[in-house]
Amino acid sequence: MNRITKRSGAMLVAATLLGGVGSYTVFAGSAEATPIAQSKCAFGLRTITQADGWKPLGLGVSITNGTAPRRVVAQLAADMGVVTDAEVRVGYSIDGGPVQEKVYGPGNFANHQEFWETRSTIAVIPMAKGSHTVTPYWRVSGSAGTSAAFEGGCFTVEGRTS
């Protein structure tokens, strides 16, 4: 083979590869890291007391886990204020089941500080195949009369994205 034929062949292969990549980028669409149904934010002041027990944060989200059991990653972040001698605990309900604390990740979410702070935590939750709803809950751990406040936050559940 002469040089011109080899060079033409190499250019044809390069053009085909670049054309394929370009077509995929234009026509295949994008894979979102967190589809809309898998994330939720809420704002506005909410308070709870030790006597209230577990309360939903109003941040439940849905996830479709595909055709096989997988683990998903749940992330919760919120601005919280906690009174002296109290802490906020976090747990998760899967598909309306009982709230589970310290099963999928840490249970302690916030302790008393001089000022409000943004708190965050992560949980790794095993999920069966199919669609599921994950709802974060909070409660105050402390003596009678202690309380905490939530001003705003977000919850995301990340799993299979294809």
N, C-alpha and C. Protein backbone atom coordinates (compact mmCIF):
# COMPACT_ATOMS: atom_id res chain seq x y z
N MET A 1 0.84 -1.18 0.00
CA MET A 1 0.00 0.00 0.00
C MET A 1 0.87 1.24 0.00
N ASN A 2 0.46 2.23 -0.71
CA ASN A 2 1.27 3.43 -0.75
C ASN A 2 0.85 4.38 0.38
N ARG A 3 1.64 5.41 0.56
CA ARG A 3 1.41 6.36 1.66
C ARG A 3 0.06 7.07 1.55
N ILE A 4 -0.34 7.42 0.37
CA ILE A 4 -1.60 8.14 0.17
C ILE A 4 -2.77 7.27 0.60
N THR A 5 -2.76 5.99 0.26
CA THR A 5 -3.84 5.08 0.62
C THR A 5 -3.88 4.89 2.14
N LYS A 6 -2.72 4.72 2.79
CA LYS A 6 -2.66 4.56 4.24
C LYS A 6 -3.18 5.82 4.94
N ARG A 7 -2.74 6.97 4.45
CA ARG A 7 -3.17 8.24 5.05
C ARG A 7 -4.67 8.42 4.86
N SER A 8 -5.21 8.10 3.70
CA SER A 8 -6.65 8.22 3.45
C SER A 8 -7.42 7.28 4.36
N GLY A 9 -6.92 6.08 4.54
CA GLY A 9 -7.58 5.10 5.41
C GLY A 9 -7.59 5.59 6.85
N ALA A 10 -6.49 6.13 7.33
CA ALA A 10 -6.40 6.65 8.70
C ALA A 10 -7.35 7.82 8.90
N MET A 11 -7.42 8.69 7.89
CA MET A 11 -8.32 9.84 7.99
C MET A 11 -9.77 9.38 7.99
N LEU A 12 -10.11 8.38 7.22
CA LEU A 12 -11.47 7.85 7.18
C LEU A 12 -11.86 7.25 8.53
N VAL A 13 -10.95 6.50 9.13
CA VAL A 13 -11.21 5.90 10.45
C VAL A 13 -11.40 7.01 11.49
N ALA A 14 -10.54 8.02 11.50
CA ALA A 14 -10.64 9.13 12.45
C ALA A 14 -11.96 9.88 12.27
N ALA A 15 -12.32 10.15 11.03
CA ALA A 15 -13.57 10.87 10.76
C ALA A 15 -14.78 10.05 11.20
N THR A 16 -14.74 8.76 11.01
CA THR A 16 -15.84 7.89 11.43
C THR A 16 -15.97 7.89 12.95
N LEU A 17 -14.86 7.78 13.67
CA LEU A 17 -14.89 7.80 15.13
C LEU A 17 -15.43 9.13 15.66
N LEU A 18 -14.91 10.22 15.12
CA LEU A 18 -15.38 11.53 15.56
C LEU A 18 -16.84 11.75 15.23
N GLY A 19 -17.27 11.29 14.08
CA GLY A 19 -18.68 11.40 13.69
C GLY A 19 -19.57 10.60 14.63
N GLY A 20 -19.12 9.41 15.01
CA GLY A 20 -19.89 8.58 15.94
C GLY A 20 -20.01 9.22 17.30
N VAL A 21 -18.91 9.75 17.81
CA VAL A 21 -18.93 10.43 19.10
C VAL A 21 -19.84 11.66 19.05
N GLY A 22 -19.72 12.42 17.98
CA GLY A 22 -20.56 13.61 17.83
C GLY A 22 -22.04 13.25 17.74
N SER A 23 -22.37 12.22 16.98
CA SER A 23 -23.77 11.79 16.87
C SER A 23 -24.30 11.33 18.22
N TYR A 24 -23.51 10.58 18.96
CA TYR A 24 -23.94 10.10 20.27
C TYR A 24 -24.22 11.28 21.20
N THR A 25 -23.32 12.25 21.19
CA THR A 25 -23.48 13.43 22.05
C THR A 25 -24.75 14.20 21.71
N VAL A 26 -25.04 14.36 20.44
CA VAL A 26 -26.20 15.14 20.01
C VAL A 26 -27.51 14.38 20.20
N PHE A 27 -27.53 13.10 19.86
CA PHE A 27 -28.80 12.37 19.80
C PHE A 27 -29.08 11.48 21.02
N ALA A 28 -28.09 11.10 21.79
CA ALA A 28 -28.31 10.16 22.88
C ALA A 28 -28.88 10.82 24.13
N GLY A 29 -28.78 12.11 24.24
CA GLY A 29 -29.28 12.78 25.44
C GLY A 29 -28.27 12.66 26.56
N SER A 30 -28.65 13.20 27.72
CA SER A 30 -27.72 13.18 28.84
C SER A 30 -28.28 12.33 29.96
N ALA A 31 -27.41 11.79 30.76
CA ALA A 31 -27.81 11.05 31.95
C ALA A 31 -27.71 12.01 33.13
N GLU A 32 -28.83 12.32 33.72
CA GLU A 32 -28.82 13.23 34.87
C GLU A 32 -28.23 12.51 36.07
N ALA A 33 -27.43 13.22 36.85
CA ALA A 33 -26.88 12.63 38.06
C ALA A 33 -27.98 12.41 39.09
N THR A 34 -28.90 13.33 39.19
CA THR A 34 -30.02 13.21 40.12
C THR A 34 -31.29 13.65 39.42
N PRO A 35 -32.06 12.69 38.90
CA PRO A 35 -33.33 13.06 38.26
C PRO A 35 -34.25 13.79 39.25
N ILE A 36 -35.15 14.59 38.73
CA ILE A 36 -36.00 15.45 39.55
C ILE A 36 -36.73 14.68 40.64
N ALA A 37 -37.26 13.51 40.34
CA ALA A 37 -38.02 12.75 41.35
C ALA A 37 -37.17 12.29 42.52
N GLN A 38 -35.84 12.29 42.35
CA GLN A 38 -34.93 11.80 43.37
C GLN A 38 -34.37 12.90 44.25
N SER A 39 -34.89 14.11 44.16
CA SER A 39 -34.39 15.20 45.01
C SER A 39 -35.54 16.13 45.37
N LYS A 40 -35.42 16.72 46.55
CA LYS A 40 -36.46 17.64 47.01
C LYS A 40 -35.86 18.59 48.02
N CYS A 41 -36.29 19.85 47.97
CA CYS A 41 -35.90 20.86 48.94
C CYS A 41 -37.15 21.45 49.57
N ALA A 42 -37.02 21.90 50.80
CA ALA A 42 -38.13 22.55 51.51
C ALA A 42 -37.57 23.69 52.34
N PHE A 43 -38.33 24.78 52.41
CA PHE A 43 -37.90 25.94 53.17
C PHE A 43 -39.06 26.45 54.00
N GLY A 44 -38.74 27.09 55.09
CA GLY A 44 -39.74 27.59 56.02
C GLY A 44 -39.49 26.99 57.40
N LEU A 45 -39.73 27.76 58.41
CA LEU A 45 -39.44 27.35 59.78
C LEU A 45 -40.40 26.27 60.26
N ARG A 46 -39.83 25.19 60.80
CA ARG A 46 -40.60 24.12 61.43
C ARG A 46 -39.91 23.80 62.76
N THR A 47 -40.69 23.54 63.77
CA THR A 47 -40.11 23.18 65.06
C THR A 47 -40.72 21.88 65.56
N ILE A 48 -39.95 21.15 66.37
CA ILE A 48 -40.45 19.96 67.04
C ILE A 48 -39.93 19.96 68.47
N THR A 49 -40.60 19.20 69.32
CA THR A 49 -40.15 19.04 70.70
C THR A 49 -39.84 17.57 70.96
N GLN A 50 -39.25 17.32 72.08
CA GLN A 50 -38.91 15.95 72.47
C GLN A 50 -40.17 15.09 72.52
N ALA A 51 -41.29 15.66 72.92
CA ALA A 51 -42.54 14.90 73.04
C ALA A 51 -43.15 14.52 71.69
N ASP A 52 -42.75 15.16 70.60
CA ASP A 52 -43.34 14.90 69.29
C ASP A 52 -42.93 13.56 68.69
N GLY A 53 -41.80 13.01 69.08
CA GLY A 53 -41.32 11.77 68.47
C GLY A 53 -40.91 11.98 67.03
N TRP A 54 -40.92 10.91 66.25
CA TRP A 54 -40.50 10.99 64.85
C TRP A 54 -41.50 11.79 64.03
N LYS A 55 -40.99 12.73 63.24
CA LYS A 55 -41.80 13.55 62.33
C LYS A 55 -41.12 13.57 60.96
N PRO A 56 -41.89 13.45 59.88
CA PRO A 56 -41.28 13.55 58.55
C PRO A 56 -40.81 14.98 58.30
N LEU A 57 -39.70 15.11 57.61
CA LEU A 57 -39.19 16.43 57.26
C LEU A 57 -39.90 17.00 56.02
N GLY A 58 -40.79 16.25 55.40
CA GLY A 58 -41.46 16.72 54.19
C GLY A 58 -40.58 16.66 52.96
N LEU A 59 -39.59 15.77 53.00
CA LEU A 59 -38.62 15.69 51.91
C LEU A 59 -38.58 14.32 51.25
N GLY A 60 -39.66 13.55 51.31
CA GLY A 60 -39.67 12.22 50.71
C GLY A 60 -39.47 12.28 49.20
N VAL A 61 -38.68 11.35 48.68
CA VAL A 61 -38.41 11.29 47.24
C VAL A 61 -38.57 9.85 46.75
N SER A 62 -38.75 9.72 45.44
CA SER A 62 -38.91 8.40 44.81
C SER A 62 -37.70 8.07 43.97
N ILE A 63 -37.42 6.77 43.85
CA ILE A 63 -36.32 6.31 43.02
C ILE A 63 -36.74 5.00 42.36
N THR A 64 -36.38 4.86 41.10
CA THR A 64 -36.58 3.60 40.40
C THR A 64 -35.23 2.90 40.35
N ASN A 65 -35.16 1.75 40.98
CA ASN A 65 -33.90 1.07 41.19
C ASN A 65 -33.57 0.04 40.12
N GLY A 66 -34.33 0.01 39.05
CA GLY A 66 -34.02 -0.92 37.98
C GLY A 66 -34.55 -2.32 38.23
N THR A 67 -33.92 -3.30 37.60
CA THR A 67 -34.41 -4.68 37.65
C THR A 67 -33.63 -5.57 38.60
N ALA A 68 -32.74 -4.99 39.38
CA ALA A 68 -31.96 -5.79 40.32
C ALA A 68 -31.82 -5.02 41.63
N PRO A 69 -31.68 -5.73 42.75
CA PRO A 69 -31.44 -5.04 44.03
C PRO A 69 -30.11 -4.28 43.98
N ARG A 70 -30.11 -3.08 44.54
CA ARG A 70 -28.90 -2.24 44.57
C ARG A 70 -28.92 -1.38 45.82
N ARG A 71 -27.77 -0.84 46.16
CA ARG A 71 -27.70 0.15 47.23
C ARG A 71 -27.83 1.54 46.62
N VAL A 72 -28.50 2.44 47.33
CA VAL A 72 -28.60 3.83 46.91
C VAL A 72 -27.95 4.70 47.98
N VAL A 73 -27.56 5.89 47.59
CA VAL A 73 -26.94 6.83 48.52
C VAL A 73 -27.92 7.97 48.78
N ALA A 74 -28.26 8.17 50.05
CA ALA A 74 -29.17 9.24 50.45
C ALA A 74 -28.36 10.33 51.15
N GLN A 75 -28.59 11.58 50.76
CA GLN A 75 -27.88 12.71 51.36
C GLN A 75 -28.91 13.72 51.87
N LEU A 76 -28.74 14.12 53.11
CA LEU A 76 -29.63 15.09 53.74
C LEU A 76 -28.79 16.26 54.24
N ALA A 77 -29.21 17.48 53.92
CA ALA A 77 -28.55 18.68 54.40
C ALA A 77 -29.63 19.67 54.82
N ALA A 78 -29.43 20.33 55.97
CA ALA A 78 -30.46 21.25 56.47
C ALA A 78 -29.85 22.27 57.42
N ASP A 79 -30.48 23.44 57.48
CA ASP A 79 -30.14 24.44 58.48
C ASP A 79 -30.95 24.12 59.73
N MET A 80 -30.25 23.91 60.85
CA MET A 80 -30.91 23.48 62.09
C MET A 80 -30.45 24.32 63.27
N GLY A 81 -31.37 24.48 64.21
CA GLY A 81 -31.06 25.06 65.50
C GLY A 81 -31.54 24.10 66.58
N VAL A 82 -30.72 23.87 67.60
CA VAL A 82 -31.04 22.91 68.65
C VAL A 82 -30.81 23.58 70.01
N VAL A 83 -31.76 23.42 70.93
CA VAL A 83 -31.61 24.02 72.25
C VAL A 83 -30.56 23.27 73.06
N THR A 84 -30.14 23.88 74.16
CA THR A 84 -29.16 23.28 75.07
C THR A 84 -29.66 21.93 75.58
N ASP A 85 -28.74 21.00 75.75
CA ASP A 85 -29.02 19.66 76.29
C ASP A 85 -29.94 18.83 75.39
N ALA A 86 -29.87 19.04 74.10
CA ALA A 86 -30.68 18.25 73.16
C ALA A 86 -29.87 17.98 71.90
N GLU A 87 -30.35 17.01 71.14
CA GLU A 87 -29.78 16.71 69.83
C GLU A 87 -30.90 16.31 68.90
N VAL A 88 -30.66 16.44 67.59
CA VAL A 88 -31.61 16.00 66.59
C VAL A 88 -31.12 14.66 66.05
N ARG A 89 -32.02 13.69 65.99
CA ARG A 89 -31.73 12.37 65.45
C ARG A 89 -32.41 12.26 64.08
N VAL A 90 -31.84 11.47 63.18
CA VAL A 90 -32.41 11.28 61.85
C VAL A 90 -32.59 9.79 61.58
N GLY A 91 -33.68 9.47 60.91
CA GLY A 91 -33.96 8.11 60.50
C GLY A 91 -34.67 8.14 59.16
N TYR A 92 -34.84 6.97 58.55
CA TYR A 92 -35.41 6.90 57.21
C TYR A 92 -36.52 5.85 57.17
N SER A 93 -37.58 6.17 56.44
CA SER A 93 -38.66 5.23 56.18
C SER A 93 -38.61 4.86 54.71
N ILE A 94 -38.66 3.57 54.43
CA ILE A 94 -38.66 3.09 53.06
C ILE A 94 -40.06 2.59 52.73
N ASP A 95 -40.67 3.15 51.72
CA ASP A 95 -42.01 2.76 51.26
C ASP A 95 -43.05 2.79 52.38
N GLY A 96 -42.97 3.77 53.27
CA GLY A 96 -43.95 3.92 54.34
C GLY A 96 -43.75 2.99 55.52
N GLY A 97 -42.66 2.25 55.54
CA GLY A 97 -42.36 1.34 56.64
C GLY A 97 -41.92 2.09 57.88
N PRO A 98 -41.57 1.37 58.93
CA PRO A 98 -41.15 2.02 60.17
C PRO A 98 -39.86 2.82 59.98
N VAL A 99 -39.72 3.88 60.75
CA VAL A 99 -38.51 4.70 60.70
C VAL A 99 -37.34 3.89 61.27
N GLN A 100 -36.24 3.88 60.53
CA GLN A 100 -35.04 3.16 60.95
C GLN A 100 -33.94 4.17 61.27
N GLU A 101 -33.47 4.15 62.51
CA GLU A 101 -32.39 5.04 62.95
C GLU A 101 -31.11 4.23 63.11
N LYS A 102 -29.99 4.76 62.61
CA LYS A 102 -28.68 4.12 62.71
C LYS A 102 -28.63 2.75 62.03
N VAL A 103 -29.48 2.54 61.03
CA VAL A 103 -29.45 1.30 60.26
C VAL A 103 -28.69 1.53 58.96
N TYR A 104 -28.90 2.67 58.32
CA TYR A 104 -28.31 2.95 57.02
C TYR A 104 -27.16 3.96 57.09
N GLY A 105 -27.02 4.63 58.22
CA GLY A 105 -25.99 5.65 58.39
C GLY A 105 -26.09 6.22 59.79
N PRO A 106 -25.39 7.31 60.06
CA PRO A 106 -25.40 7.90 61.39
C PRO A 106 -26.80 8.31 61.84
N GLY A 107 -27.04 8.26 63.15
CA GLY A 107 -28.32 8.68 63.71
C GLY A 107 -28.30 10.10 64.22
N ASN A 108 -27.14 10.57 64.70
CA ASN A 108 -27.04 11.92 65.24
C ASN A 108 -26.91 12.91 64.08
N PHE A 109 -27.83 13.87 64.03
CA PHE A 109 -27.80 14.84 62.94
C PHE A 109 -27.33 16.21 63.40
N ALA A 110 -27.73 16.64 64.60
CA ALA A 110 -27.37 17.98 65.05
C ALA A 110 -27.36 18.04 66.57
N ASN A 111 -26.36 18.72 67.12
CA ASN A 111 -26.28 19.00 68.54
C ASN A 111 -26.43 20.50 68.76
N HIS A 112 -26.61 20.88 70.01
CA HIS A 112 -26.71 22.31 70.32
C HIS A 112 -25.40 23.00 69.99
N GLN A 113 -25.51 24.15 69.34
CA GLN A 113 -24.39 25.04 69.07
C GLN A 113 -24.85 26.45 69.41
N GLU A 114 -23.91 27.36 69.56
CA GLU A 114 -24.28 28.74 69.88
C GLU A 114 -25.16 29.36 68.79
N PHE A 115 -24.88 29.01 67.55
CA PHE A 115 -25.63 29.54 66.41
C PHE A 115 -26.17 28.39 65.57
N TRP A 116 -27.15 28.69 64.71
CA TRP A 116 -27.65 27.69 63.78
C TRP A 116 -26.52 27.29 62.83
N GLU A 117 -26.58 26.07 62.34
CA GLU A 117 -25.57 25.58 61.41
C GLU A 117 -26.23 24.73 60.33
N THR A 118 -25.54 24.64 59.20
CA THR A 118 -25.97 23.69 58.18
C THR A 118 -25.39 22.34 58.57
N ARG A 119 -26.26 21.34 58.61
CA ARG A 119 -25.86 19.98 58.98
C ARG A 119 -26.05 19.09 57.76
N SER A 120 -25.24 18.05 57.66
CA SER A 120 -25.43 17.11 56.56
C SER A 120 -25.03 15.71 57.00
N THR A 121 -25.64 14.74 56.36
CA THR A 121 -25.34 13.34 56.64
C THR A 121 -25.58 12.52 55.39
N ILE A 122 -25.07 11.32 55.41
CA ILE A 122 -25.21 10.43 54.27
C ILE A 122 -25.62 9.06 54.78
N ALA A 123 -26.40 8.35 53.99
CA ALA A 123 -26.82 6.99 54.33
C ALA A 123 -26.71 6.13 53.09
N VAL A 124 -26.37 4.87 53.28
CA VAL A 124 -26.32 3.90 52.19
C VAL A 124 -27.42 2.89 52.46
N ILE A 125 -28.42 2.85 51.57
CA ILE A 125 -29.63 2.08 51.81
C ILE A 125 -29.76 0.97 50.77
N PRO A 126 -29.82 -0.29 51.21
CA PRO A 126 -30.07 -1.37 50.24
C PRO A 126 -31.52 -1.33 49.79
N MET A 127 -31.74 -1.44 48.49
CA MET A 127 -33.09 -1.37 47.92
C MET A 127 -33.35 -2.60 47.06
N ALA A 128 -34.56 -3.08 47.12
CA ALA A 128 -34.99 -4.13 46.21
C ALA A 128 -35.18 -3.52 44.82
N LYS A 129 -35.34 -4.37 43.82
CA LYS A 129 -35.58 -3.85 42.47
C LYS A 129 -36.91 -3.12 42.43
N GLY A 130 -37.08 -2.25 41.44
CA GLY A 130 -38.33 -1.53 41.27
C GLY A 130 -38.31 -0.12 41.83
N SER A 131 -39.50 0.46 41.98
CA SER A 131 -39.65 1.85 42.45
C SER A 131 -39.89 1.89 43.95
N HIS A 132 -39.30 2.88 44.61
CA HIS A 132 -39.39 3.02 46.06
C HIS A 132 -39.47 4.49 46.45
N THR A 133 -39.98 4.74 47.65
CA THR A 133 -40.00 6.08 48.23
C THR A 133 -39.17 6.05 49.52
N VAL A 134 -38.29 7.03 49.64
CA VAL A 134 -37.45 7.17 50.84
C VAL A 134 -37.83 8.50 51.49
N THR A 135 -38.15 8.47 52.79
CA THR A 135 -38.56 9.67 53.51
C THR A 135 -37.69 9.85 54.75
N PRO A 136 -36.99 10.99 54.87
CA PRO A 136 -36.22 11.24 56.09
C PRO A 136 -37.13 11.77 57.20
N TYR A 137 -36.87 11.33 58.42
CA TYR A 137 -37.60 11.77 59.61
C TYR A 137 -36.61 12.37 60.60
N TRP A 138 -37.12 13.20 61.50
CA TRP A 138 -36.30 13.77 62.56
C TRP A 138 -37.03 13.70 63.88
N ARG A 139 -36.27 13.70 64.96
CA ARG A 139 -36.82 13.75 66.31
C ARG A 139 -35.81 14.41 67.22
N VAL A 140 -36.29 14.91 68.36
CA VAL A 140 -35.41 15.52 69.35
C VAL A 140 -35.13 14.49 70.43
N SER A 141 -33.87 14.33 70.74
CA SER A 141 -33.46 13.49 71.85
C SER A 141 -32.98 14.44 72.94
N GLY A 142 -33.63 14.38 74.10
CA GLY A 142 -33.27 15.26 75.20
C GLY A 142 -34.32 15.17 76.29
N SER A 143 -34.16 15.98 77.29
CA SER A 143 -35.13 15.96 78.39
C SER A 143 -36.44 16.60 77.96
N ALA A 144 -37.48 16.41 78.75
CA ALA A 144 -38.80 16.97 78.44
C ALA A 144 -38.69 18.48 78.23
N GLY A 145 -39.38 18.96 77.19
CA GLY A 145 -39.39 20.39 76.90
C GLY A 145 -38.31 20.86 75.94
N THR A 146 -37.34 20.00 75.61
CA THR A 146 -36.31 20.42 74.66
C THR A 146 -36.88 20.43 73.25
N SER A 147 -36.27 21.25 72.39
CA SER A 147 -36.80 21.41 71.03
C SER A 147 -35.70 21.66 70.02
N ALA A 148 -36.11 21.66 68.77
CA ALA A 148 -35.19 21.96 67.67
C ALA A 148 -36.00 22.61 66.56
N ALA A 149 -35.29 23.26 65.64
CA ALA A 149 -35.95 23.94 64.52
C ALA A 149 -35.21 23.64 63.22
N PHE A 150 -35.99 23.52 62.16
CA PHE A 150 -35.52 23.29 60.79
C PHE A 150 -35.95 24.50 59.98
N GLU A 151 -35.02 25.13 59.28
CA GLU A 151 -35.37 26.30 58.49
C GLU A 151 -35.39 26.01 57.00
N GLY A 152 -34.62 25.07 56.56
CA GLY A 152 -34.59 24.72 55.15
C GLY A 152 -33.57 23.64 54.88
N GLY A 153 -33.84 22.84 53.87
CA GLY A 153 -32.88 21.79 53.54
C GLY A 153 -33.26 21.04 52.29
N CYS A 154 -32.39 20.11 51.91
CA CYS A 154 -32.58 19.30 50.72
C CYS A 154 -32.25 17.85 51.01
N PHE A 155 -32.90 16.96 50.25
CA PHE A 155 -32.68 15.52 50.37
C PHE A 155 -32.57 14.95 48.97
N THR A 156 -31.55 14.15 48.74
CA THR A 156 -31.38 13.50 47.44
C THR A 156 -31.13 12.01 47.67
N VAL A 157 -31.61 11.21 46.75
CA VAL A 157 -31.32 9.78 46.75
C VAL A 157 -30.76 9.46 45.38
N GLU A 158 -29.54 8.94 45.37
CA GLU A 158 -28.87 8.66 44.11
C GLU A 158 -28.68 7.16 43.96
N GLY A 159 -29.00 6.68 42.79
CA GLY A 159 -28.84 5.27 42.50
C GLY A 159 -28.50 5.09 41.05
N ARG A 160 -29.08 4.11 40.44
CA ARG A 160 -28.87 3.81 39.03
C ARG A 160 -29.33 4.99 38.18
N THR A 161 -28.48 5.45 37.27
CA THR A 161 -28.85 6.61 36.46
C THR A 161 -29.00 6.27 34.99
N SER A 162 -28.95 5.01 34.64
CA SER A 162 -29.10 4.67 33.20
C SER A 162 -30.25 3.72 33.02
